[in-house]
Amino acid sequence: MFTGITEETAQVIVSKPGTIALKTTLTDVSEGDSLMVDGVCLTVSDIFEGKLTMDVGGETLRSTALKNKRAGKKVNIERSLSLSSRIHGHIVYGHVMKVGKVTAKRKIGNTNYITIESGRDFTDKLMEKGSVAVNGVSLTVNEISGGRFSVAVIPQTLKRTNLGDLTSSDPVNLEADMIIAAARGRVRKNG
């Protein structure tokens, strides 16, 4: 589990089917640890001189925007939550529910508004002023309109994440707040 508060933007140095490697300054990371990479929970398989390597399965590549990450791109990363951690964002599992697409960005004052097309099957799980994770970043849903929603992003978040680099039609990994989704009765039951 994660909080959706990005600890660092790391640079992708290797991206090939089945593997992603990042250059990072994060310490206290061990092989086998869970790390959220742009909203996707991955397991660290190798660490060498500030480079973290993670295996990426076929299903993960198929169902997330990680397949679009190339060497040189920045990704948001966060270490997993410990039981003694404060939760500053919201509970994020790192299980991408949908890949959305940025359709608009606009700035009013010091706030950047990002509109994302996700389809009604995703927006039905959201609530205005509730939480959503976009590329693993915990944000507040500003407005919902059909199959689109918008978030308002403050300068501090733009500075600490890769959200400021997004342009129109960029794919983004999305995860609804599981508590809100469950309360709305939209989470599928297993079995």
C-alpha atoms as a PDB file:
ATOM      1  CA  MET A   1       0.000   0.000   0.000  1.00  0.00           C
ATOM      2  CA  PHE A   2       1.049   3.554  -0.709  1.00  0.00           C
ATOM      3  CA  THR A   3      -0.100   7.110   0.078  1.00  0.00           C
ATOM      4  CA  GLY A   4       0.077   8.657  -3.394  1.00  0.00           C
ATOM      5  CA  ILE A   5       2.648  11.199  -2.238  1.00  0.00           C
ATOM      6  CA  THR A   6       5.549  11.028  -4.701  1.00  0.00           C
ATOM      7  CA  GLU A   7       8.945  10.757  -3.017  1.00  0.00           C
ATOM      8  CA  GLU A   8      10.978  11.366  -6.133  1.00  0.00           C
ATOM      9  CA  THR A   9      10.817  11.553  -9.895  1.00  0.00           C
ATOM     10  CA  ALA A  10      13.298   9.011 -11.188  1.00  0.00           C
ATOM     11  CA  GLN A  11      14.699   8.766 -14.683  1.00  0.00           C
ATOM     12  CA  VAL A  12      14.011   5.664 -16.735  1.00  0.00           C
ATOM     13  CA  ILE A  13      17.364   4.304 -17.941  1.00  0.00           C
ATOM     14  CA  VAL A  14      16.198   0.969 -19.363  1.00  0.00           C
ATOM     15  CA  SER A  15      12.748   0.117 -20.649  1.00  0.00           C
ATOM     16  CA  LYS A  16      12.287  -3.105 -22.551  1.00  0.00           C
ATOM     17  CA  PRO A  17       9.604  -5.780 -22.522  1.00  0.00           C
ATOM     18  CA  GLY A  18       9.747  -7.428 -19.119  1.00  0.00           C
ATOM     19  CA  THR A  19      12.116  -4.953 -17.430  1.00  0.00           C
ATOM     20  CA  ILE A  20      12.303  -1.345 -16.309  1.00  0.00           C
ATOM     21  CA  ALA A  21      15.335   0.216 -14.620  1.00  0.00           C
ATOM     22  CA  LEU A  22      15.450   3.588 -12.903  1.00  0.00           C
ATOM     23  CA  LYS A  23      18.204   5.910 -11.719  1.00  0.00           C
ATOM     24  CA  THR A  24      17.228   7.065  -8.218  1.00  0.00           C
ATOM     25  CA  THR A  25      18.600   8.707  -5.099  1.00  0.00           C
ATOM     26  CA  LEU A  26      16.211   6.805  -2.815  1.00  0.00           C
ATOM     27  CA  THR A  27      17.961   4.886  -0.078  1.00  0.00           C
ATOM     28  CA  ASP A  28      16.627   2.168   2.178  1.00  0.00           C
ATOM     29  CA  VAL A  29      15.338   0.111  -0.745  1.00  0.00           C
ATOM     30  CA  SER A  30      16.050  -3.630  -0.850  1.00  0.00           C
ATOM     31  CA  GLU A  31      15.557  -6.402  -3.372  1.00  0.00           C
ATOM     32  CA  GLY A  32      12.003  -7.717  -2.988  1.00  0.00           C
ATOM     33  CA  ASP A  33      10.591  -4.357  -1.830  1.00  0.00           C
ATOM     34  CA  SER A  34       7.449  -2.962  -3.411  1.00  0.00           C
ATOM     35  CA  LEU A  35       7.869   0.342  -5.205  1.00  0.00           C
ATOM     36  CA  MET A  36       5.125   2.341  -6.897  1.00  0.00           C
ATOM     37  CA  VAL A  37       6.269   3.514 -10.342  1.00  0.00           C
ATOM     38  CA  ASP A  38       3.873   5.967 -11.991  1.00  0.00           C
ATOM     39  CA  GLY A  39       1.006   4.347 -10.093  1.00  0.00           C
ATOM     40  CA  VAL A  40       2.043   0.723 -10.705  1.00  0.00           C
ATOM     41  CA  CYS A  41       3.150  -1.503  -7.832  1.00  0.00           C
ATOM     42  CA  LEU A  42       6.353  -3.308  -8.889  1.00  0.00           C
ATOM     43  CA  THR A  43       8.873  -5.472  -7.046  1.00  0.00           C
ATOM     44  CA  VAL A  44      12.539  -4.481  -6.982  1.00  0.00           C
ATOM     45  CA  SER A  45      14.554  -7.353  -8.487  1.00  0.00           C
ATOM     46  CA  ASP A  46      18.054  -5.815  -8.524  1.00  0.00           C
ATOM     47  CA  ILE A  47      19.895  -2.829  -7.066  1.00  0.00           C
ATOM     48  CA  PHE A  48      23.264  -1.634  -8.349  1.00  0.00           C
ATOM     49  CA  GLU A  49      24.898   1.797  -7.862  1.00  0.00           C
ATOM     50  CA  GLY A  50      21.665   3.805  -7.590  1.00  0.00           C
ATOM     51  CA  LYS A  51      19.933   1.807 -10.295  1.00  0.00           C
ATOM     52  CA  LEU A  52      16.785  -0.124  -9.395  1.00  0.00           C
ATOM     53  CA  THR A  53      15.605  -2.841 -11.768  1.00  0.00           C
ATOM     54  CA  MET A  54      12.088  -4.279 -11.703  1.00  0.00           C
ATOM     55  CA  ASP A  55      10.476  -7.065 -13.680  1.00  0.00           C
ATOM     56  CA  VAL A  56       7.295  -6.055 -15.507  1.00  0.00           C
ATOM     57  CA  GLY A  57       4.861  -8.820 -16.438  1.00  0.00           C
ATOM     58  CA  GLY A  58       2.896  -9.004 -19.660  1.00  0.00           C
ATOM     59  CA  GLU A  59      -0.430  -8.181 -17.980  1.00  0.00           C
ATOM     60  CA  THR A  60       1.114  -5.089 -16.373  1.00  0.00           C
ATOM     61  CA  LEU A  61       2.461  -3.904 -19.721  1.00  0.00           C
ATOM     62  CA  ARG A  62      -0.884  -4.564 -21.397  1.00  0.00           C
ATOM     63  CA  SER A  63      -3.029  -2.805 -18.806  1.00  0.00           C
ATOM     64  CA  THR A  64      -0.895   0.217 -17.819  1.00  0.00           C
ATOM     65  CA  ALA A  65       0.881   3.134 -19.446  1.00  0.00           C
ATOM     66  CA  LEU A  66       4.315   1.741 -18.484  1.00  0.00           C
ATOM     67  CA  LYS A  67       4.590   0.363 -22.019  1.00  0.00           C
ATOM     68  CA  ASN A  68       4.957   4.001 -23.168  1.00  0.00           C
ATOM     69  CA  LYS A  69       7.891   4.821 -20.866  1.00  0.00           C
ATOM     70  CA  ARG A  70      11.179   5.133 -22.704  1.00  0.00           C
ATOM     71  CA  ALA A  71      14.715   5.786 -21.501  1.00  0.00           C
ATOM     72  CA  GLY A  72      15.069   9.411 -20.445  1.00  0.00           C
ATOM     73  CA  LYS A  73      11.436   9.824 -19.300  1.00  0.00           C
ATOM     74  CA  LYS A  74      10.639  10.699 -15.681  1.00  0.00           C
ATOM     75  CA  VAL A  75       8.399   8.536 -13.488  1.00  0.00           C
ATOM     76  CA  ASN A  76       6.913   9.195 -10.061  1.00  0.00           C
ATOM     77  CA  ILE A  77       8.149   6.761  -7.413  1.00  0.00           C
ATOM     78  CA  GLU A  78       7.132   6.014  -3.850  1.00  0.00           C
ATOM     79  CA  ARG A  79       8.240   3.361  -1.387  1.00  0.00           C
ATOM     80  CA  SER A  80       5.523   1.266   0.219  1.00  0.00           C
ATOM     81  CA  LEU A  81       3.736   2.425   3.338  1.00  0.00           C
ATOM     82  CA  SER A  82       4.955   1.136   6.700  1.00  0.00           C
ATOM     83  CA  LEU A  83       2.548   0.561   9.571  1.00  0.00           C
ATOM     84  CA  SER A  84       3.992   3.539  11.455  1.00  0.00           C
ATOM     85  CA  SER A  85       3.695   5.976   8.512  1.00  0.00           C
ATOM     86  CA  ARG A  86       1.376   8.945   8.431  1.00  0.00           C
ATOM     87  CA  ILE A  87      -0.971   8.944   5.458  1.00  0.00           C
ATOM     88  CA  HIS A  88      -0.679  12.322   3.749  1.00  0.00           C
ATOM     89  CA  GLY A  89      -2.561  11.429   0.548  1.00  0.00           C
ATOM     90  CA  HIS A  90      -5.009   8.526   0.459  1.00  0.00           C
ATOM     91  CA  ILE A  91      -4.667   4.761   0.461  1.00  0.00           C
ATOM     92  CA  VAL A  92      -3.309   3.741  -2.940  1.00  0.00           C
ATOM     93  CA  TYR A  93      -2.760   0.100  -3.876  1.00  0.00           C
ATOM     94  CA  GLY A  94      -0.692   0.580  -7.025  1.00  0.00           C
ATOM     95  CA  HIS A  95      -3.204  -1.519  -8.970  1.00  0.00           C
ATOM     96  CA  VAL A  96      -4.002   0.470 -12.084  1.00  0.00           C
ATOM     97  CA  MET A  97      -7.721   0.333 -12.849  1.00  0.00           C
ATOM     98  CA  LYS A  98      -7.646   2.171 -16.160  1.00  0.00           C
ATOM     99  CA  VAL A  99      -5.325   3.983 -18.550  1.00  0.00           C
ATOM    100  CA  GLY A 100      -6.773   7.412 -19.261  1.00  0.00           C
ATOM    101  CA  LYS A 101      -5.725  10.140 -21.682  1.00  0.00           C
ATOM    102  CA  VAL A 102      -4.998  13.801 -20.968  1.00  0.00           C
ATOM    103  CA  THR A 103      -7.383  15.876 -23.066  1.00  0.00           C
ATOM    104  CA  ALA A 104      -6.695  19.388 -21.763  1.00  0.00           C
ATOM    105  CA  LYS A 105      -4.414  21.415 -19.535  1.00  0.00           C
ATOM    106  CA  ARG A 106      -5.033  24.979 -18.492  1.00  0.00           C
ATOM    107  CA  LYS A 107      -3.578  27.297 -15.898  1.00  0.00           C
ATOM    108  CA  ILE A 108      -5.598  29.739 -13.825  1.00  0.00           C
ATOM    109  CA  GLY A 109      -3.531  31.734 -11.365  1.00  0.00           C
ATOM    110  CA  ASN A 110      -1.070  29.315  -9.794  1.00  0.00           C
ATOM    111  CA  THR A 111      -3.276  26.263 -10.316  1.00  0.00           C
ATOM    112  CA  ASN A 112      -3.031  23.882 -13.265  1.00  0.00           C
ATOM    113  CA  TYR A 113      -6.202  22.064 -14.269  1.00  0.00           C
ATOM    114  CA  ILE A 114      -5.769  18.733 -16.035  1.00  0.00           C
ATOM    115  CA  THR A 115      -8.735  17.062 -17.749  1.00  0.00           C
ATOM    116  CA  ILE A 116      -8.555  13.306 -18.307  1.00  0.00           C
ATOM    117  CA  GLU A 117     -10.722  11.100 -20.526  1.00  0.00           C
ATOM    118  CA  SER A 118     -11.248   7.788 -18.753  1.00  0.00           C
ATOM    119  CA  GLY A 119     -14.700   6.541 -19.727  1.00  0.00           C
ATOM    120  CA  ARG A 120     -17.778   6.303 -17.541  1.00  0.00           C
ATOM    121  CA  ASP A 121     -16.743   2.893 -16.255  1.00  0.00           C
ATOM    122  CA  PHE A 122     -14.003   4.753 -14.357  1.00  0.00           C
ATOM    123  CA  THR A 123     -15.708   8.075 -13.552  1.00  0.00           C
ATOM    124  CA  ASP A 124     -18.597   6.128 -11.990  1.00  0.00           C
ATOM    125  CA  LYS A 125     -16.088   5.118  -9.286  1.00  0.00           C
ATOM    126  CA  LEU A 126     -15.199   8.760  -8.525  1.00  0.00           C
ATOM    127  CA  MET A 127     -16.770  11.468  -6.429  1.00  0.00           C
ATOM    128  CA  GLU A 128     -16.201  15.200  -6.760  1.00  0.00           C
ATOM    129  CA  LYS A 129     -13.831  16.332  -3.984  1.00  0.00           C
ATOM    130  CA  GLY A 130     -12.870  12.668  -3.476  1.00  0.00           C
ATOM    131  CA  SER A 131      -9.449  11.223  -4.216  1.00  0.00           C
ATOM    132  CA  VAL A 132      -7.943   9.733  -7.376  1.00  0.00           C
ATOM    133  CA  ALA A 133      -4.399   8.592  -8.187  1.00  0.00           C
ATOM    134  CA  VAL A 134      -2.987   9.825 -11.516  1.00  0.00           C
ATOM    135  CA  ASN A 135       0.394   8.228 -12.314  1.00  0.00           C
ATOM    136  CA  GLY A 136       0.453   7.290  -8.635  1.00  0.00           C
ATOM    137  CA  VAL A 137      -0.072  10.862  -7.396  1.00  0.00           C
ATOM    138  CA  SER A 138      -2.878  11.402  -4.884  1.00  0.00           C
ATOM    139  CA  LEU A 139      -5.110  14.210  -6.166  1.00  0.00           C
ATOM    140  CA  THR A 140      -8.555  15.616  -5.465  1.00  0.00           C
ATOM    141  CA  VAL A 141     -11.209  15.208  -8.147  1.00  0.00           C
ATOM    142  CA  ASN A 142     -12.248  18.716  -9.135  1.00  0.00           C
ATOM    143  CA  GLU A 143     -15.091  17.989 -11.556  1.00  0.00           C
ATOM    144  CA  ILE A 144     -16.702  14.987 -13.283  1.00  0.00           C
ATOM    145  CA  SER A 145     -18.485  15.237 -16.615  1.00  0.00           C
ATOM    146  CA  GLY A 146     -19.554  12.014 -18.285  1.00  0.00           C
ATOM    147  CA  GLY A 147     -16.444   9.970 -18.995  1.00  0.00           C
ATOM    148  CA  ARG A 148     -14.055  12.804 -18.131  1.00  0.00           C
ATOM    149  CA  PHE A 149     -12.816  14.281 -14.898  1.00  0.00           C
ATOM    150  CA  SER A 150     -10.492  17.097 -13.949  1.00  0.00           C
ATOM    151  CA  VAL A 151      -8.003  17.643 -11.163  1.00  0.00           C
ATOM    152  CA  ALA A 152      -6.505  20.882  -9.876  1.00  0.00           C
ATOM    153  CA  VAL A 153      -2.749  20.604  -9.376  1.00  0.00           C
ATOM    154  CA  ILE A 154      -0.839  23.042  -7.180  1.00  0.00           C
ATOM    155  CA  PRO A 155       2.719  24.216  -8.009  1.00  0.00           C
ATOM    156  CA  GLN A 156       4.309  22.064  -5.253  1.00  0.00           C
ATOM    157  CA  THR A 157       2.823  18.902  -6.796  1.00  0.00           C
ATOM    158  CA  LEU A 158       3.961  19.926 -10.291  1.00  0.00           C
ATOM    159  CA  LYS A 159       7.488  20.495  -8.973  1.00  0.00           C
ATOM    160  CA  ARG A 160       7.712  17.112  -7.178  1.00  0.00           C
ATOM    161  CA  THR A 161       6.077  14.880  -9.834  1.00  0.00           C
ATOM    162  CA  ASN A 162       6.008  14.286 -13.584  1.00  0.00           C
ATOM    163  CA  LEU A 163       2.486  15.748 -13.946  1.00  0.00           C
ATOM    164  CA  GLY A 164       3.879  19.058 -15.199  1.00  0.00           C
ATOM    165  CA  ASP A 165       5.418  17.224 -18.174  1.00  0.00           C
ATOM    166  CA  LEU A 166       2.063  15.843 -19.357  1.00  0.00           C
ATOM    167  CA  THR A 167       0.750  17.041 -22.697  1.00  0.00           C
ATOM    168  CA  SER A 168      -2.526  16.500 -24.517  1.00  0.00           C
ATOM    169  CA  SER A 169      -3.103  12.831 -25.470  1.00  0.00           C
ATOM    170  CA  ASP A 170      -0.501  11.495 -23.027  1.00  0.00           C
ATOM    171  CA  PRO A 171      -1.628   8.243 -21.394  1.00  0.00           C
ATOM    172  CA  VAL A 172      -1.868   8.189 -17.586  1.00  0.00           C
ATOM    173  CA  ASN A 173      -2.331   5.373 -15.080  1.00  0.00           C
ATOM    174  CA  LEU A 174      -5.494   5.778 -12.998  1.00  0.00           C
ATOM    175  CA  GLU A 175      -6.663   4.305  -9.705  1.00  0.00           C
ATOM    176  CA  ALA A 176      -9.889   5.316  -7.990  1.00  0.00           C
ATOM    177  CA  ASP A 177     -10.032   5.619  -4.219  1.00  0.00           C
ATOM    178  CA  MET A 178     -11.092   2.088  -3.233  1.00  0.00           C
ATOM    179  CA  ILE A 179     -13.128   3.290  -0.250  1.00  0.00           C
ATOM    180  CA  ILE A 180     -15.193   5.678  -2.376  1.00  0.00           C
ATOM    181  CA  ALA A 181     -15.533   3.106  -5.172  1.00  0.00           C
ATOM    182  CA  ALA A 182     -16.764   0.482  -2.709  1.00  0.00           C
ATOM    183  CA  ALA A 183     -19.196   2.930  -1.115  1.00  0.00           C
ATOM    184  CA  ARG A 184     -20.615   3.693  -4.549  1.00  0.00           C
ATOM    185  CA  GLY A 185     -21.116  -0.055  -5.056  1.00  0.00           C
ATOM    186  CA  ARG A 186     -18.954  -0.121  -8.194  1.00  0.00           C
ATOM    187  CA  VAL A 187     -16.212  -2.553  -7.159  1.00  0.00           C
ATOM    188  CA  ARG A 188     -16.609  -6.030  -8.658  1.00  0.00           C
ATOM    189  CA  LYS A 189     -16.773  -8.852  -6.161  1.00  0.00           C
ATOM    190  CA  ASN A 190     -14.524 -11.863  -6.640  1.00  0.00           C
ATOM    191  CA  GLY A 191     -16.105 -15.300  -6.961  1.00  0.00           C
END
